[in-house]
């Protein structure tokens, strides 16, 4: 009897698709700067996807195109089946609830408690009664290990705690995607490791797809399963960190090569519900 043929592995679903995206900015003395030049890439469901490049390469602009904080001059951005570049303002506001974002400088409301910072997007977008809102805020703070800081103000928190509060706020609306713009650049090494553990847990346990911009090779190497190298606004290469057999085209790609064994598999979180 012939042995059964091996079943083909299912192709992962593209959760974020960028097609032919271009973005330029006008310069004060005339002319323009091409920050993103004809970039096309896919981020698959369950990825922790890294964007790396030198200062000014365009990686942060590319990240901001994903939720249309910067609108592309041309090209399309599709997230979770919705082409954001075609949506009305109202439709885009609704779609952004599915995309959380954390920033380098935390962007917390300084005159609000940690609890109220996390509750802020829920009060704007979700018609939750007081008990359900309180339960969701407490749930998010528990995920990031800040349950005991609900009544504290940002000025009373360390840098790592501020970033955790920002992550809790970003998770409040149960997003499918979490965008991270240099989330560890203001943190020391020990705090960075703890924050990466939190992000990894959010990805593996809650099923949130993460896109992270960083100039720190160690950060991307420690947490990402796939990486794209951006040079002069263009996509220079992209690869799975675990795939060390394929030669890397760029200096940054070669420097990341030894992190391959630290990659995380596509299917690691499958079957796990979001918080």
C-alpha atoms as a PDB file:
ATOM      1  CA  UNK A   1       0.000   0.000   0.000  1.00  0.00           C
ATOM      2  CA  UNK A   2       1.295   3.428  -0.869  1.00  0.00           C
ATOM      3  CA  UNK A   3       2.075   5.724   2.041  1.00  0.00           C
ATOM      4  CA  UNK A   4      -0.323   8.693   2.329  1.00  0.00           C
ATOM      5  CA  UNK A   5       0.917  11.919   0.861  1.00  0.00           C
ATOM      6  CA  UNK A   6       1.895  14.543   3.451  1.00  0.00           C
ATOM      7  CA  UNK A   7      -0.685  17.274   3.830  1.00  0.00           C
ATOM      8  CA  UNK A   8       0.393  20.743   2.739  1.00  0.00           C
ATOM      9  CA  UNK A   9       0.604  23.232   5.549  1.00  0.00           C
ATOM     10  CA  UNK A  10      -2.051  25.917   5.461  1.00  0.00           C
ATOM     11  CA  UNK A  11      -0.826  29.280   4.239  1.00  0.00           C
ATOM     12  CA  UNK A  12      -0.961  31.787   7.119  1.00  0.00           C
ATOM     13  CA  UNK A  13      -3.520  34.531   6.702  1.00  0.00           C
ATOM     14  CA  UNK A  14      -2.206  37.953   5.739  1.00  0.00           C
ATOM     15  CA  UNK A  15      -3.495  40.244   8.477  1.00  0.00           C
ATOM     16  CA  UNK A  16      -1.692  43.362   7.198  1.00  0.00           C
ATOM     17  CA  UNK A  17      -1.008  43.919   3.510  1.00  0.00           C
ATOM     18  CA  UNK A  18       0.889  46.941   2.220  1.00  0.00           C
ATOM     19  CA  UNK A  19       0.911  47.263  -1.562  1.00  0.00           C
ATOM     20  CA  UNK A  20       2.975  49.808  -3.464  1.00  0.00           C
ATOM     21  CA  UNK A  21       2.954  52.334  -0.611  1.00  0.00           C
ATOM     22  CA  UNK A  22       4.694  55.677  -1.194  1.00  0.00           C
ATOM     23  CA  UNK A  23       4.913  58.659   1.139  1.00  0.00           C
ATOM     24  CA  UNK A  24       6.753  61.950   0.596  1.00  0.00           C
ATOM     25  CA  UNK A  25       7.085  65.048   2.754  1.00  0.00           C
ATOM     26  CA  UNK A  26       7.619  68.606   1.557  1.00  0.00           C
ATOM     27  CA  UNK A  27      10.903  70.170   2.624  1.00  0.00           C
ATOM     28  CA  UNK A  28      10.990  73.699   4.142  1.00  0.00           C
ATOM     29  CA  UNK A  29      13.266  75.039   1.404  1.00  0.00           C
ATOM     30  CA  UNK A  30      11.407  73.360  -1.439  1.00  0.00           C
ATOM     31  CA  UNK A  31      11.467  69.926  -2.957  1.00  0.00           C
ATOM     32  CA  UNK A  32      10.394  66.761  -1.175  1.00  0.00           C
ATOM     33  CA  UNK A  33      11.763  63.837   0.806  1.00  0.00           C
ATOM     34  CA  UNK A  34      10.677  60.317  -0.160  1.00  0.00           C
ATOM     35  CA  UNK A  35      10.212  58.638   3.225  1.00  0.00           C
ATOM     36  CA  UNK A  36       8.576  55.456   1.891  1.00  0.00           C
ATOM     37  CA  UNK A  37       9.208  54.293  -1.676  1.00  0.00           C
ATOM     38  CA  UNK A  38       6.989  51.657  -3.297  1.00  0.00           C
ATOM     39  CA  UNK A  39       6.900  49.252  -0.348  1.00  0.00           C
ATOM     40  CA  UNK A  40       4.884  46.037  -0.533  1.00  0.00           C
ATOM     41  CA  UNK A  41       4.845  43.458   2.256  1.00  0.00           C
ATOM     42  CA  UNK A  42       2.577  41.152   4.238  1.00  0.00           C
ATOM     43  CA  UNK A  43       2.384  40.638   7.980  1.00  0.00           C
ATOM     44  CA  UNK A  44       0.747  37.318   8.793  1.00  0.00           C
ATOM     45  CA  UNK A  45      -1.674  36.607  11.588  1.00  0.00           C
ATOM     46  CA  UNK A  46       0.316  35.724  14.697  1.00  0.00           C
ATOM     47  CA  UNK A  47       3.549  37.365  13.579  1.00  0.00           C
ATOM     48  CA  UNK A  48       5.838  39.443  15.698  1.00  0.00           C
ATOM     49  CA  UNK A  49       7.142  41.401  12.738  1.00  0.00           C
ATOM     50  CA  UNK A  50      10.127  43.715  13.033  1.00  0.00           C
ATOM     51  CA  UNK A  51      10.969  46.793  10.975  1.00  0.00           C
ATOM     52  CA  UNK A  52      14.603  47.789  11.210  1.00  0.00           C
ATOM     53  CA  UNK A  53      16.766  50.367   9.481  1.00  0.00           C
ATOM     54  CA  UNK A  54      19.132  53.207  10.141  1.00  0.00           C
ATOM     55  CA  UNK A  55      17.888  56.546  11.464  1.00  0.00           C
ATOM     56  CA  UNK A  56      15.835  58.237   8.764  1.00  0.00           C
ATOM     57  CA  UNK A  57      15.347  55.034   6.754  1.00  0.00           C
ATOM     58  CA  UNK A  58      11.551  55.430   6.865  1.00  0.00           C
ATOM     59  CA  UNK A  59      10.636  52.582   9.222  1.00  0.00           C
ATOM     60  CA  UNK A  60       8.544  54.698  11.618  1.00  0.00           C
ATOM     61  CA  UNK A  61       6.729  56.366   8.724  1.00  0.00           C
ATOM     62  CA  UNK A  62       5.969  52.930   7.307  1.00  0.00           C
ATOM     63  CA  UNK A  63       4.577  51.843  10.684  1.00  0.00           C
ATOM     64  CA  UNK A  64       2.338  54.921  10.828  1.00  0.00           C
ATOM     65  CA  UNK A  65       0.971  54.106   7.381  1.00  0.00           C
ATOM     66  CA  UNK A  66      -0.498  50.887   8.777  1.00  0.00           C
ATOM     67  CA  UNK A  67      -3.126  52.757  10.807  1.00  0.00           C
ATOM     68  CA  UNK A  68      -3.122  55.790   8.505  1.00  0.00           C
ATOM     69  CA  UNK A  69      -1.657  58.187  11.049  1.00  0.00           C
ATOM     70  CA  UNK A  70       0.244  58.997   7.878  1.00  0.00           C
ATOM     71  CA  UNK A  71      -1.790  58.550   4.699  1.00  0.00           C
ATOM     72  CA  UNK A  72       0.151  57.134   1.732  1.00  0.00           C
ATOM     73  CA  UNK A  73       0.438  59.283  -1.377  1.00  0.00           C
ATOM     74  CA  UNK A  74      -0.198  56.115  -3.389  1.00  0.00           C
ATOM     75  CA  UNK A  75      -0.665  52.424  -2.747  1.00  0.00           C
ATOM     76  CA  UNK A  76      -3.060  50.575  -0.455  1.00  0.00           C
ATOM     77  CA  UNK A  77      -3.112  49.495   3.191  1.00  0.00           C
ATOM     78  CA  UNK A  78      -5.316  46.544   4.158  1.00  0.00           C
ATOM     79  CA  UNK A  79      -5.744  45.419   7.774  1.00  0.00           C
ATOM     80  CA  UNK A  80      -7.849  42.410   8.762  1.00  0.00           C
ATOM     81  CA  UNK A  81      -9.615  42.417   5.399  1.00  0.00           C
ATOM     82  CA  UNK A  82     -10.398  46.145   5.344  1.00  0.00           C
ATOM     83  CA  UNK A  83      -8.673  48.410   2.846  1.00  0.00           C
ATOM     84  CA  UNK A  84      -8.141  51.418   5.097  1.00  0.00           C
ATOM     85  CA  UNK A  85      -7.247  53.756   2.249  1.00  0.00           C
ATOM     86  CA  UNK A  86     -10.807  53.413   0.892  1.00  0.00           C
ATOM     87  CA  UNK A  87     -12.661  54.038   4.157  1.00  0.00           C
ATOM     88  CA  UNK A  88     -14.559  57.168   5.107  1.00  0.00           C
ATOM     89  CA  UNK A  89     -13.414  59.110   8.178  1.00  0.00           C
ATOM     90  CA  UNK A  90     -16.091  57.377  10.230  1.00  0.00           C
ATOM     91  CA  UNK A  91     -15.134  53.964   8.882  1.00  0.00           C
ATOM     92  CA  UNK A  92     -11.463  54.621   9.577  1.00  0.00           C
ATOM     93  CA  UNK A  93     -12.204  55.594  13.186  1.00  0.00           C
ATOM     94  CA  UNK A  94     -14.006  52.278  13.644  1.00  0.00           C
ATOM     95  CA  UNK A  95     -11.215  50.305  11.937  1.00  0.00           C
ATOM     96  CA  UNK A  96      -8.577  51.876  14.161  1.00  0.00           C
ATOM     97  CA  UNK A  97     -10.187  50.266  17.193  1.00  0.00           C
ATOM     98  CA  UNK A  98      -8.752  47.024  15.809  1.00  0.00           C
ATOM     99  CA  UNK A  99      -5.229  48.505  15.746  1.00  0.00           C
ATOM    100  CA  UNK A 100      -3.532  49.394  19.021  1.00  0.00           C
ATOM    101  CA  UNK A 101      -0.398  51.554  19.071  1.00  0.00           C
ATOM    102  CA  UNK A 102       2.285  52.331  21.617  1.00  0.00           C
ATOM    103  CA  UNK A 103       4.857  55.075  21.256  1.00  0.00           C
ATOM    104  CA  UNK A 104       8.428  55.749  22.290  1.00  0.00           C
ATOM    105  CA  UNK A 105       7.408  58.466  24.765  1.00  0.00           C
ATOM    106  CA  UNK A 106       4.345  56.613  26.124  1.00  0.00           C
ATOM    107  CA  UNK A 107       1.816  59.425  25.281  1.00  0.00           C
ATOM    108  CA  UNK A 108      -0.054  59.013  28.574  1.00  0.00           C
ATOM    109  CA  UNK A 109      -2.432  61.633  29.939  1.00  0.00           C
ATOM    110  CA  UNK A 110      -0.375  63.146  32.757  1.00  0.00           C
ATOM    111  CA  UNK A 111      -3.343  64.432  34.781  1.00  0.00           C
ATOM    112  CA  UNK A 112      -5.172  61.086  34.673  1.00  0.00           C
ATOM    113  CA  UNK A 113      -4.592  57.947  36.717  1.00  0.00           C
ATOM    114  CA  UNK A 114      -3.397  54.723  35.139  1.00  0.00           C
ATOM    115  CA  UNK A 115      -6.980  53.443  35.404  1.00  0.00           C
ATOM    116  CA  UNK A 116      -8.361  56.474  33.560  1.00  0.00           C
ATOM    117  CA  UNK A 117      -5.638  56.289  30.898  1.00  0.00           C
ATOM    118  CA  UNK A 118      -6.643  52.717  30.084  1.00  0.00           C
ATOM    119  CA  UNK A 119     -10.346  53.564  30.285  1.00  0.00           C
ATOM    120  CA  UNK A 120      -9.985  56.583  27.962  1.00  0.00           C
ATOM    121  CA  UNK A 121     -10.416  54.780  24.593  1.00  0.00           C
ATOM    122  CA  UNK A 122     -13.274  52.697  25.983  1.00  0.00           C
ATOM    123  CA  UNK A 123     -15.163  55.810  27.069  1.00  0.00           C
ATOM    124  CA  UNK A 124     -14.721  57.326  23.609  1.00  0.00           C
ATOM    125  CA  UNK A 125     -15.538  54.337  21.414  1.00  0.00           C
ATOM    126  CA  UNK A 126     -17.393  51.686  23.451  1.00  0.00           C
ATOM    127  CA  UNK A 127     -20.775  52.049  25.114  1.00  0.00           C
ATOM    128  CA  UNK A 128     -19.837  50.018  28.179  1.00  0.00           C
ATOM    129  CA  UNK A 129     -21.656  50.342  31.455  1.00  0.00           C
ATOM    130  CA  UNK A 130     -19.546  51.130  34.514  1.00  0.00           C
ATOM    131  CA  UNK A 131     -19.105  47.525  35.753  1.00  0.00           C
ATOM    132  CA  UNK A 132     -18.079  46.211  32.306  1.00  0.00           C
ATOM    133  CA  UNK A 133     -15.689  49.115  31.763  1.00  0.00           C
ATOM    134  CA  UNK A 134     -14.099  48.578  35.166  1.00  0.00           C
ATOM    135  CA  UNK A 135     -13.760  44.847  34.498  1.00  0.00           C
ATOM    136  CA  UNK A 136     -12.057  45.463  31.144  1.00  0.00           C
ATOM    137  CA  UNK A 137      -9.615  48.008  32.586  1.00  0.00           C
ATOM    138  CA  UNK A 138      -8.719  45.680  35.440  1.00  0.00           C
ATOM    139  CA  UNK A 139      -8.271  42.821  32.957  1.00  0.00           C
ATOM    140  CA  UNK A 140      -5.839  44.849  30.829  1.00  0.00           C
ATOM    141  CA  UNK A 141      -3.852  46.034  33.835  1.00  0.00           C
ATOM    142  CA  UNK A 142      -3.578  42.447  35.049  1.00  0.00           C
ATOM    143  CA  UNK A 143      -2.162  41.369  31.661  1.00  0.00           C
ATOM    144  CA  UNK A 144       0.691  43.903  31.907  1.00  0.00           C
ATOM    145  CA  UNK A 145       1.302  43.450  35.632  1.00  0.00           C
ATOM    146  CA  UNK A 146       0.018  46.843  36.794  1.00  0.00           C
ATOM    147  CA  UNK A 147      -3.069  45.841  38.750  1.00  0.00           C
ATOM    148  CA  UNK A 148      -1.619  47.511  41.842  1.00  0.00           C
ATOM    149  CA  UNK A 149      -0.952  50.820  40.026  1.00  0.00           C
ATOM    150  CA  UNK A 150      -4.508  51.634  38.902  1.00  0.00           C
ATOM    151  CA  UNK A 151      -4.735  54.725  41.123  1.00  0.00           C
ATOM    152  CA  UNK A 152      -1.220  56.006  40.385  1.00  0.00           C
ATOM    153  CA  UNK A 153      -0.425  58.907  38.055  1.00  0.00           C
ATOM    154  CA  UNK A 154       2.177  58.675  35.264  1.00  0.00           C
ATOM    155  CA  UNK A 155       4.614  60.877  37.208  1.00  0.00           C
ATOM    156  CA  UNK A 156       4.656  58.205  39.934  1.00  0.00           C
ATOM    157  CA  UNK A 157       5.647  55.412  37.532  1.00  0.00           C
ATOM    158  CA  UNK A 158       8.996  54.208  36.243  1.00  0.00           C
ATOM    159  CA  UNK A 159       9.680  54.238  32.513  1.00  0.00           C
ATOM    160  CA  UNK A 160       8.866  50.548  32.201  1.00  0.00           C
ATOM    161  CA  UNK A 161       5.625  50.977  34.128  1.00  0.00           C
ATOM    162  CA  UNK A 162       4.611  53.886  31.892  1.00  0.00           C
ATOM    163  CA  UNK A 163       5.140  51.735  28.814  1.00  0.00           C
ATOM    164  CA  UNK A 164       3.132  48.913  30.388  1.00  0.00           C
ATOM    165  CA  UNK A 165       0.302  51.358  31.063  1.00  0.00           C
ATOM    166  CA  UNK A 166       0.473  52.424  27.418  1.00  0.00           C
ATOM    167  CA  UNK A 167       0.273  48.768  26.339  1.00  0.00           C
ATOM    168  CA  UNK A 168      -2.745  48.188  28.600  1.00  0.00           C
ATOM    169  CA  UNK A 169      -4.458  51.209  27.029  1.00  0.00           C
ATOM    170  CA  UNK A 170      -3.678  49.897  23.535  1.00  0.00           C
ATOM    171  CA  UNK A 171      -5.175  46.491  24.424  1.00  0.00           C
ATOM    172  CA  UNK A 172      -8.381  47.927  25.877  1.00  0.00           C
ATOM    173  CA  UNK A 173     -10.385  47.713  22.634  1.00  0.00           C
ATOM    174  CA  UNK A 174      -9.271  44.092  21.958  1.00  0.00           C
ATOM    175  CA  UNK A 175      -7.205  44.886  18.850  1.00  0.00           C
ATOM    176  CA  UNK A 176      -6.008  42.264  16.406  1.00  0.00           C
ATOM    177  CA  UNK A 177      -2.854  44.305  15.758  1.00  0.00           C
ATOM    178  CA  UNK A 178      -0.440  46.121  18.084  1.00  0.00           C
ATOM    179  CA  UNK A 179       1.954  48.634  16.514  1.00  0.00           C
ATOM    180  CA  UNK A 180       5.047  49.471  18.566  1.00  0.00           C
ATOM    181  CA  UNK A 181       7.211  52.469  17.634  1.00  0.00           C
ATOM    182  CA  UNK A 182      10.603  52.158  19.384  1.00  0.00           C
ATOM    183  CA  UNK A 183       8.896  50.930  22.588  1.00  0.00           C
ATOM    184  CA  UNK A 184      12.150  50.131  24.430  1.00  0.00           C
ATOM    185  CA  UNK A 185      14.424  53.008  23.395  1.00  0.00           C
ATOM    186  CA  UNK A 186      13.814  54.947  26.640  1.00  0.00           C
ATOM    187  CA  UNK A 187      14.296  51.883  28.877  1.00  0.00           C
ATOM    188  CA  UNK A 188      17.293  50.249  30.500  1.00  0.00           C
ATOM    189  CA  UNK A 189      18.364  46.707  29.580  1.00  0.00           C
ATOM    190  CA  UNK A 190      16.612  44.920  32.458  1.00  0.00           C
ATOM    191  CA  UNK A 191      13.348  46.803  31.925  1.00  0.00           C
ATOM    192  CA  UNK A 192      13.594  46.147  28.178  1.00  0.00           C
ATOM    193  CA  UNK A 193      13.821  42.391  28.778  1.00  0.00           C
ATOM    194  CA  UNK A 194      10.774  42.481  31.041  1.00  0.00           C
ATOM    195  CA  UNK A 195       8.775  44.528  28.515  1.00  0.00           C
ATOM    196  CA  UNK A 196       9.676  42.132  25.681  1.00  0.00           C
ATOM    197  CA  UNK A 197       8.454  39.256  27.847  1.00  0.00           C
ATOM    198  CA  UNK A 198       5.144  41.090  28.214  1.00  0.00           C
ATOM    199  CA  UNK A 199       4.832  41.652  24.453  1.00  0.00           C
ATOM    200  CA  UNK A 200       5.722  38.032  23.738  1.00  0.00           C
ATOM    201  CA  UNK A 201       3.066  36.874  26.208  1.00  0.00           C
ATOM    202  CA  UNK A 202       0.469  39.131  24.577  1.00  0.00           C
ATOM    203  CA  UNK A 203       1.312  37.610  21.198  1.00  0.00           C
ATOM    204  CA  UNK A 204       1.407  33.970  22.313  1.00  0.00           C
ATOM    205  CA  UNK A 205      -1.410  33.956  24.862  1.00  0.00           C
ATOM    206  CA  UNK A 206      -3.812  36.554  23.466  1.00  0.00           C
ATOM    207  CA  UNK A 207      -3.222  36.093  19.744  1.00  0.00           C
ATOM    208  CA  UNK A 208      -2.351  39.724  19.009  1.00  0.00           C
ATOM    209  CA  UNK A 209      -0.196  40.291  15.922  1.00  0.00           C
ATOM    210  CA  UNK A 210       2.643  42.720  16.685  1.00  0.00           C
ATOM    211  CA  UNK A 211       4.624  45.022  14.387  1.00  0.00           C
ATOM    212  CA  UNK A 212       7.609  46.579  16.133  1.00  0.00           C
ATOM    213  CA  UNK A 213       9.994  49.277  14.932  1.00  0.00           C
ATOM    214  CA  UNK A 214      13.399  49.338  16.572  1.00  0.00           C
ATOM    215  CA  UNK A 215      16.988  50.285  15.821  1.00  0.00           C
ATOM    216  CA  UNK A 216      18.140  47.738  18.416  1.00  0.00           C
ATOM    217  CA  UNK A 217      19.147  44.437  16.831  1.00  0.00           C
ATOM    218  CA  UNK A 218      18.990  42.664  20.182  1.00  0.00           C
ATOM    219  CA  UNK A 219      15.356  43.699  20.659  1.00  0.00           C
ATOM    220  CA  UNK A 220      14.184  42.427  17.277  1.00  0.00           C
ATOM    221  CA  UNK A 221      16.344  39.332  17.540  1.00  0.00           C
ATOM    222  CA  UNK A 222      14.900  38.456  20.928  1.00  0.00           C
ATOM    223  CA  UNK A 223      11.225  38.749  20.029  1.00  0.00           C
ATOM    224  CA  UNK A 224      10.534  38.714  16.270  1.00  0.00           C
ATOM    225  CA  UNK A 225       9.830  35.753  14.023  1.00  0.00           C
ATOM    226  CA  UNK A 226       9.980  37.843  10.811  1.00  0.00           C
ATOM    227  CA  UNK A 227      11.895  41.019   9.975  1.00  0.00           C
ATOM    228  CA  UNK A 228      11.998  43.569   7.143  1.00  0.00           C
ATOM    229  CA  UNK A 229      15.046  45.763   6.558  1.00  0.00           C
ATOM    230  CA  UNK A 230      14.230  49.281   5.327  1.00  0.00           C
ATOM    231  CA  UNK A 231      16.883  51.309   3.497  1.00  0.00           C
ATOM    232  CA  UNK A 232      16.277  54.809   2.078  1.00  0.00           C
ATOM    233  CA  UNK A 233      12.519  54.318   2.310  1.00  0.00           C
ATOM    234  CA  UNK A 234      12.510  51.060   0.340  1.00  0.00           C
ATOM    235  CA  UNK A 235      12.198  47.415   1.344  1.00  0.00           C
ATOM    236  CA  UNK A 236      15.735  46.025   1.072  1.00  0.00           C
ATOM    237  CA  UNK A 237      14.871  42.495   2.250  1.00  0.00           C
ATOM    238  CA  UNK A 238      12.572  40.517   4.512  1.00  0.00           C
ATOM    239  CA  UNK A 239      13.087  37.095   6.054  1.00  0.00           C
ATOM    240  CA  UNK A 240      12.134  34.628   8.759  1.00  0.00           C
ATOM    241  CA  UNK A 241      14.673  34.842  11.561  1.00  0.00           C
ATOM    242  CA  UNK A 242      14.578  31.064  11.914  1.00  0.00           C
ATOM    243  CA  UNK A 243      15.511  30.569   8.248  1.00  0.00           C
ATOM    244  CA  UNK A 244      19.279  30.861   8.444  1.00  0.00           C
ATOM    245  CA  UNK A 245      19.836  28.961   5.166  1.00  0.00           C
ATOM    246  CA  UNK A 246      18.879  31.909   2.943  1.00  0.00           C
ATOM    247  CA  UNK A 247      21.760  34.381   2.452  1.00  0.00           C
ATOM    248  CA  UNK A 248      21.027  37.845   3.806  1.00  0.00           C
ATOM    249  CA  UNK A 249      21.323  40.746   1.396  1.00  0.00           C
ATOM    250  CA  UNK A 250      22.051  43.603   3.806  1.00  0.00           C
ATOM    251  CA  UNK A 251      24.522  44.304   6.598  1.00  0.00           C
ATOM    252  CA  UNK A 252      21.668  44.562   9.117  1.00  0.00           C
ATOM    253  CA  UNK A 253      20.231  41.296   7.870  1.00  0.00           C
ATOM    254  CA  UNK A 254      23.575  39.550   8.318  1.00  0.00           C
ATOM    255  CA  UNK A 255      23.948  40.969  11.820  1.00  0.00           C
ATOM    256  CA  UNK A 256      20.532  39.537  12.703  1.00  0.00           C
ATOM    257  CA  UNK A 257      21.423  36.097  11.314  1.00  0.00           C
ATOM    258  CA  UNK A 258      22.599  34.589  14.594  1.00  0.00           C
ATOM    259  CA  UNK A 259      19.266  35.361  16.226  1.00  0.00           C
ATOM    260  CA  UNK A 260      17.549  32.816  13.963  1.00  0.00           C
ATOM    261  CA  UNK A 261      17.201  30.161  16.627  1.00  0.00           C
ATOM    262  CA  UNK A 262      15.279  32.620  18.819  1.00  0.00           C
ATOM    263  CA  UNK A 263      12.422  32.983  16.288  1.00  0.00           C
ATOM    264  CA  UNK A 264       8.878  32.195  17.279  1.00  0.00           C
ATOM    265  CA  UNK A 265       6.626  29.979  15.126  1.00  0.00           C
ATOM    266  CA  UNK A 266       3.540  31.186  13.305  1.00  0.00           C
ATOM    267  CA  UNK A 267       1.244  28.689  14.960  1.00  0.00           C
ATOM    268  CA  UNK A 268       2.437  29.043  18.555  1.00  0.00           C
ATOM    269  CA  UNK A 269      -0.614  30.992  19.686  1.00  0.00           C
ATOM    270  CA  UNK A 270      -3.313  29.307  17.567  1.00  0.00           C
ATOM    271  CA  UNK A 271      -6.454  28.320  19.371  1.00  0.00           C
ATOM    272  CA  UNK A 272      -5.950  30.896  22.114  1.00  0.00           C
ATOM    273  CA  UNK A 273      -8.654  33.477  22.651  1.00  0.00           C
ATOM    274  CA  UNK A 274      -7.922  37.171  22.940  1.00  0.00           C
ATOM    275  CA  UNK A 275      -8.511  38.786  26.305  1.00  0.00           C
END
